Amino acid sequence: MTVLWKGLRIFRWLLIPIYAAYLVEFMINRPSHLDWRGLLLLSTEAVMFGVPLLFVAVGLLESMVRSRAGIPRPRDFGFRPPDQPVTQSHQFNR
């Protein structure tokens, strides 16, 4: 399960540069993404709104895999989980 969690985490963070590159390409080459009325093409709209939704969905899936595998939450936005499990006194009470 740890390998699946790491794979989902890498895939989720790889979506950001892909999305940013698509937005830059859209700004450089805007007429190819618009129809004759100046509206977005369906394919452009699907990518512009679908990739952020995919980012959220993969993040939720990553969270589910992490909780099912018993992997503690990474601290300070780190990639790896902590070596020592966080004791109850250091966790926030929710």
N, C-alpha and C. Protein backbone atom coordinates (compact mmCIF):
# COMPACT_ATOMS: atom_id res chain seq x y z
N MET A 1 0.81 -1.20 0.00
CA MET A 1 0.00 0.00 0.00
C MET A 1 0.85 1.26 0.00
N THR A 2 2.04 1.18 0.59
CA THR A 2 2.91 2.35 0.62
C THR A 2 3.35 2.74 -0.78
N VAL A 3 3.62 1.74 -1.63
CA VAL A 3 4.03 2.03 -3.01
C VAL A 3 2.89 2.69 -3.77
N LEU A 4 1.67 2.22 -3.56
CA LEU A 4 0.50 2.83 -4.21
C LEU A 4 0.33 4.27 -3.74
N TRP A 5 0.51 4.51 -2.45
CA TRP A 5 0.38 5.86 -1.91
C TRP A 5 1.44 6.80 -2.51
N LYS A 6 2.68 6.32 -2.60
CA LYS A 6 3.73 7.14 -3.19
C LYS A 6 3.47 7.40 -4.67
N GLY A 7 2.98 6.39 -5.39
CA GLY A 7 2.66 6.57 -6.80
C GLY A 7 1.55 7.60 -7.00
N LEU A 8 0.50 7.53 -6.17
CA LEU A 8 -0.58 8.51 -6.27
C LEU A 8 -0.07 9.91 -5.94
N ARG A 9 0.79 9.99 -4.96
CA ARG A 9 1.34 11.30 -4.56
C ARG A 9 2.18 11.91 -5.69
N ILE A 10 3.01 11.09 -6.32
CA ILE A 10 3.83 11.58 -7.43
C ILE A 10 2.94 11.99 -8.60
N PHE A 11 1.94 11.17 -8.93
CA PHE A 11 1.03 11.49 -10.03
C PHE A 11 0.28 12.79 -9.76
N ARG A 12 -0.16 12.98 -8.52
CA ARG A 12 -0.91 14.21 -8.19
C ARG A 12 -0.04 15.44 -8.36
N TRP A 13 1.20 15.37 -7.92
CA TRP A 13 2.05 16.55 -8.04
C TRP A 13 2.57 16.74 -9.46
N LEU A 14 2.58 15.69 -10.27
CA LEU A 14 2.96 15.86 -11.68
C LEU A 14 1.85 16.54 -12.49
N LEU A 15 0.63 16.52 -12.00
CA LEU A 15 -0.47 17.18 -12.71
C LEU A 15 -0.29 18.70 -12.72
N ILE A 16 0.38 19.27 -11.74
CA ILE A 16 0.53 20.73 -11.66
C ILE A 16 1.36 21.28 -12.81
N PRO A 17 2.58 20.76 -13.08
CA PRO A 17 3.32 21.31 -14.22
C PRO A 17 2.66 21.03 -15.57
N ILE A 18 1.96 19.89 -15.66
CA ILE A 18 1.24 19.59 -16.90
C ILE A 18 0.16 20.64 -17.14
N TYR A 19 -0.58 20.96 -16.10
CA TYR A 19 -1.65 21.95 -16.20
C TYR A 19 -1.07 23.35 -16.48
N ALA A 20 0.02 23.69 -15.81
CA ALA A 20 0.64 25.00 -16.04
C ALA A 20 1.15 25.12 -17.47
N ALA A 21 1.73 24.06 -18.01
CA ALA A 21 2.21 24.09 -19.39
C ALA A 21 1.05 24.26 -20.37
N TYR A 22 -0.08 23.62 -20.07
CA TYR A 22 -1.25 23.77 -20.94
C TYR A 22 -1.78 25.20 -20.89
N LEU A 23 -1.78 25.81 -19.71
CA LEU A 23 -2.24 27.20 -19.61
C LEU A 23 -1.32 28.15 -20.35
N VAL A 24 -0.02 27.91 -20.28
CA VAL A 24 0.92 28.75 -21.02
C VAL A 24 0.71 28.58 -22.52
N GLU A 25 0.50 27.33 -22.96
CA GLU A 25 0.23 27.09 -24.37
C GLU A 25 -1.07 27.77 -24.80
N PHE A 26 -2.06 27.79 -23.92
CA PHE A 26 -3.32 28.46 -24.23
C PHE A 26 -3.11 29.96 -24.40
N MET A 27 -2.30 30.56 -23.53
CA MET A 27 -2.05 32.00 -23.63
C MET A 27 -1.26 32.34 -24.88
N ILE A 28 -0.33 31.48 -25.29
CA ILE A 28 0.48 31.74 -26.47
C ILE A 28 -0.33 31.53 -27.76
N ASN A 29 -1.16 30.51 -27.76
CA ASN A 29 -1.85 30.12 -28.98
C ASN A 29 -3.37 30.12 -28.76
N ARG A 30 -3.91 31.24 -28.32
CA ARG A 30 -5.32 31.33 -27.96
C ARG A 30 -6.29 31.07 -29.12
N PRO A 31 -6.06 31.56 -30.33
CA PRO A 31 -7.06 31.36 -31.39
C PRO A 31 -7.34 29.89 -31.71
N SER A 32 -6.38 29.01 -31.52
CA SER A 32 -6.63 27.60 -31.83
C SER A 32 -7.52 26.93 -30.79
N HIS A 33 -7.76 27.58 -29.66
CA HIS A 33 -8.60 27.03 -28.61
C HIS A 33 -10.00 27.65 -28.61
N LEU A 34 -10.29 28.55 -29.53
CA LEU A 34 -11.58 29.23 -29.58
C LEU A 34 -12.30 28.89 -30.87
N ASP A 35 -13.64 28.88 -30.81
CA ASP A 35 -14.40 28.67 -32.04
C ASP A 35 -14.68 30.02 -32.70
N TRP A 36 -15.49 30.03 -33.73
CA TRP A 36 -15.72 31.26 -34.50
C TRP A 36 -16.47 32.32 -33.71
N ARG A 37 -17.15 31.93 -32.62
CA ARG A 37 -17.86 32.90 -31.77
C ARG A 37 -17.00 33.40 -30.62
N GLY A 38 -15.81 32.89 -30.48
CA GLY A 38 -14.92 33.30 -29.40
C GLY A 38 -15.11 32.49 -28.13
N LEU A 39 -15.84 31.37 -28.22
CA LEU A 39 -16.05 30.50 -27.07
C LEU A 39 -14.99 29.39 -27.05
N LEU A 40 -14.73 28.87 -25.85
CA LEU A 40 -13.76 27.78 -25.72
C LEU A 40 -14.26 26.54 -26.43
N LEU A 41 -13.33 25.84 -27.08
CA LEU A 41 -13.66 24.54 -27.65
C LEU A 41 -13.93 23.55 -26.52
N LEU A 42 -14.71 22.53 -26.82
CA LEU A 42 -15.05 21.55 -25.79
C LEU A 42 -13.81 20.84 -25.25
N SER A 43 -12.86 20.55 -26.12
CA SER A 43 -11.64 19.87 -25.67
C SER A 43 -10.82 20.76 -24.73
N THR A 44 -10.74 22.05 -25.05
CA THR A 44 -10.01 22.98 -24.19
C THR A 44 -10.69 23.11 -22.85
N GLU A 45 -12.02 23.22 -22.88
CA GLU A 45 -12.77 23.35 -21.64
C GLU A 45 -12.63 22.10 -20.78
N ALA A 46 -12.63 20.93 -21.42
CA ALA A 46 -12.48 19.68 -20.68
C ALA A 46 -11.12 19.61 -19.98
N VAL A 47 -10.07 20.04 -20.66
CA VAL A 47 -8.74 20.01 -20.04
C VAL A 47 -8.63 21.06 -18.94
N MET A 48 -9.13 22.27 -19.20
CA MET A 48 -8.99 23.36 -18.23
C MET A 48 -9.76 23.10 -16.94
N PHE A 49 -10.87 22.41 -17.03
CA PHE A 49 -11.66 22.14 -15.82
C PHE A 49 -11.51 20.70 -15.34
N GLY A 50 -11.10 19.81 -16.22
CA GLY A 50 -10.95 18.41 -15.85
C GLY A 50 -9.69 18.11 -15.08
N VAL A 51 -8.58 18.73 -15.44
CA VAL A 51 -7.32 18.46 -14.75
C VAL A 51 -7.37 18.90 -13.28
N PRO A 52 -7.91 20.10 -12.95
CA PRO A 52 -8.02 20.43 -11.53
C PRO A 52 -8.97 19.49 -10.77
N LEU A 53 -10.04 19.04 -11.41
CA LEU A 53 -10.92 18.08 -10.76
C LEU A 53 -10.21 16.74 -10.56
N LEU A 54 -9.40 16.34 -11.52
CA LEU A 54 -8.61 15.12 -11.38
C LEU A 54 -7.61 15.26 -10.24
N PHE A 55 -7.02 16.45 -10.09
CA PHE A 55 -6.08 16.72 -9.00
C PHE A 55 -6.76 16.51 -7.65
N VAL A 56 -7.97 17.03 -7.51
CA VAL A 56 -8.71 16.88 -6.25
C VAL A 56 -9.09 15.42 -6.02
N ALA A 57 -9.57 14.73 -7.06
CA ALA A 57 -9.98 13.34 -6.92
C ALA A 57 -8.79 12.45 -6.53
N VAL A 58 -7.64 12.67 -7.16
CA VAL A 58 -6.45 11.87 -6.82
C VAL A 58 -5.99 12.19 -5.40
N GLY A 59 -6.12 13.44 -4.98
CA GLY A 59 -5.77 13.80 -3.61
C GLY A 59 -6.65 13.10 -2.59
N LEU A 60 -7.95 13.01 -2.88
CA LEU A 60 -8.84 12.29 -1.97
C LEU A 60 -8.53 10.79 -1.96
N LEU A 61 -8.22 10.24 -3.12
CA LEU A 61 -7.85 8.83 -3.20
C LEU A 61 -6.55 8.58 -2.44
N GLU A 62 -5.61 9.50 -2.57
CA GLU A 62 -4.34 9.38 -1.83
C GLU A 62 -4.58 9.39 -0.33
N SER A 63 -5.47 10.27 0.12
CA SER A 63 -5.79 10.34 1.54
C SER A 63 -6.44 9.04 2.02
N MET A 64 -7.31 8.46 1.21
CA MET A 64 -7.95 7.21 1.58
C MET A 64 -6.93 6.07 1.67
N VAL A 65 -6.02 5.99 0.69
CA VAL A 65 -5.00 4.94 0.71
C VAL A 65 -4.09 5.11 1.91
N ARG A 66 -3.75 6.35 2.23
CA ARG A 66 -2.86 6.60 3.38
C ARG A 66 -3.52 6.15 4.67
N SER A 67 -4.81 6.44 4.85
CA SER A 67 -5.46 6.06 6.09
C SER A 67 -5.67 4.54 6.16
N ARG A 68 -5.96 3.89 5.05
CA ARG A 68 -6.15 2.43 5.05
C ARG A 68 -4.84 1.69 5.28
N ALA A 69 -3.75 2.25 4.82
CA ALA A 69 -2.45 1.60 4.99
C ALA A 69 -1.83 1.91 6.35
N GLY A 70 -2.42 2.84 7.08
CA GLY A 70 -1.86 3.21 8.39
C GLY A 70 -0.62 4.06 8.30
N ILE A 71 -0.44 4.77 7.20
CA ILE A 71 0.73 5.63 7.02
C ILE A 71 0.46 6.95 7.73
N PRO A 72 1.34 7.37 8.63
CA PRO A 72 1.11 8.65 9.31
C PRO A 72 1.25 9.81 8.32
N ARG A 73 0.59 10.90 8.64
CA ARG A 73 0.63 12.07 7.76
C ARG A 73 2.04 12.66 7.73
N PRO A 74 2.53 13.08 6.55
CA PRO A 74 3.87 13.68 6.49
C PRO A 74 3.86 15.04 7.18
N ARG A 75 4.97 15.39 7.78
CA ARG A 75 5.03 16.69 8.45
C ARG A 75 5.69 17.72 7.56
N ASP A 76 5.30 18.94 7.73
CA ASP A 76 5.88 20.09 7.02
C ASP A 76 5.90 19.89 5.51
N PHE A 77 4.84 19.36 4.96
CA PHE A 77 4.70 19.16 3.52
C PHE A 77 5.82 18.29 2.95
N GLY A 78 6.35 17.39 3.74
CA GLY A 78 7.40 16.48 3.28
C GLY A 78 6.81 15.35 2.45
N PHE A 79 7.66 14.68 1.72
CA PHE A 79 7.19 13.57 0.89
C PHE A 79 7.07 12.29 1.68
N ARG A 80 8.07 12.02 2.50
CA ARG A 80 8.07 10.78 3.25
C ARG A 80 7.31 10.94 4.56
N PRO A 81 6.65 9.89 5.02
CA PRO A 81 6.05 9.95 6.35
C PRO A 81 7.15 9.95 7.41
N PRO A 82 6.85 10.41 8.60
CA PRO A 82 7.89 10.42 9.64
C PRO A 82 8.34 9.00 9.99
N ASP A 83 9.61 8.88 10.37
CA ASP A 83 10.15 7.56 10.73
C ASP A 83 9.49 7.03 12.00
N GLN A 84 9.33 7.91 12.96
CA GLN A 84 8.67 7.55 14.20
C GLN A 84 7.22 8.01 14.14
N PRO A 85 6.28 7.15 14.50
CA PRO A 85 4.89 7.61 14.51
C PRO A 85 4.72 8.74 15.52
N VAL A 86 3.89 9.70 15.16
CA VAL A 86 3.65 10.85 16.03
C VAL A 86 2.84 10.37 17.23
N THR A 87 3.32 10.72 18.43
CA THR A 87 2.60 10.31 19.63
C THR A 87 1.34 11.14 19.80
N GLN A 88 0.45 10.67 20.64
CA GLN A 88 -0.84 11.33 20.83
C GLN A 88 -0.65 12.74 21.39
N SER A 89 0.37 12.96 22.20
CA SER A 89 0.57 14.28 22.79
C SER A 89 0.95 15.34 21.76
N HIS A 90 1.51 14.91 20.61
CA HIS A 90 1.91 15.86 19.58
C HIS A 90 0.86 16.04 18.51
N GLN A 91 -0.20 15.26 18.52
CA GLN A 91 -1.24 15.39 17.53
C GLN A 91 -2.26 16.41 17.98
N PHE A 92 -2.96 16.99 17.00
CA PHE A 92 -4.03 17.90 17.32
C PHE A 92 -5.26 17.10 17.73
N ASN A 93 -5.96 17.56 18.69
CA ASN A 93 -7.23 16.93 19.05
C ASN A 93 -8.30 17.48 18.16
N ARG A 94 -8.98 16.61 17.47
CA ARG A 94 -10.03 17.09 16.55
C ARG A 94 -11.38 16.76 17.10
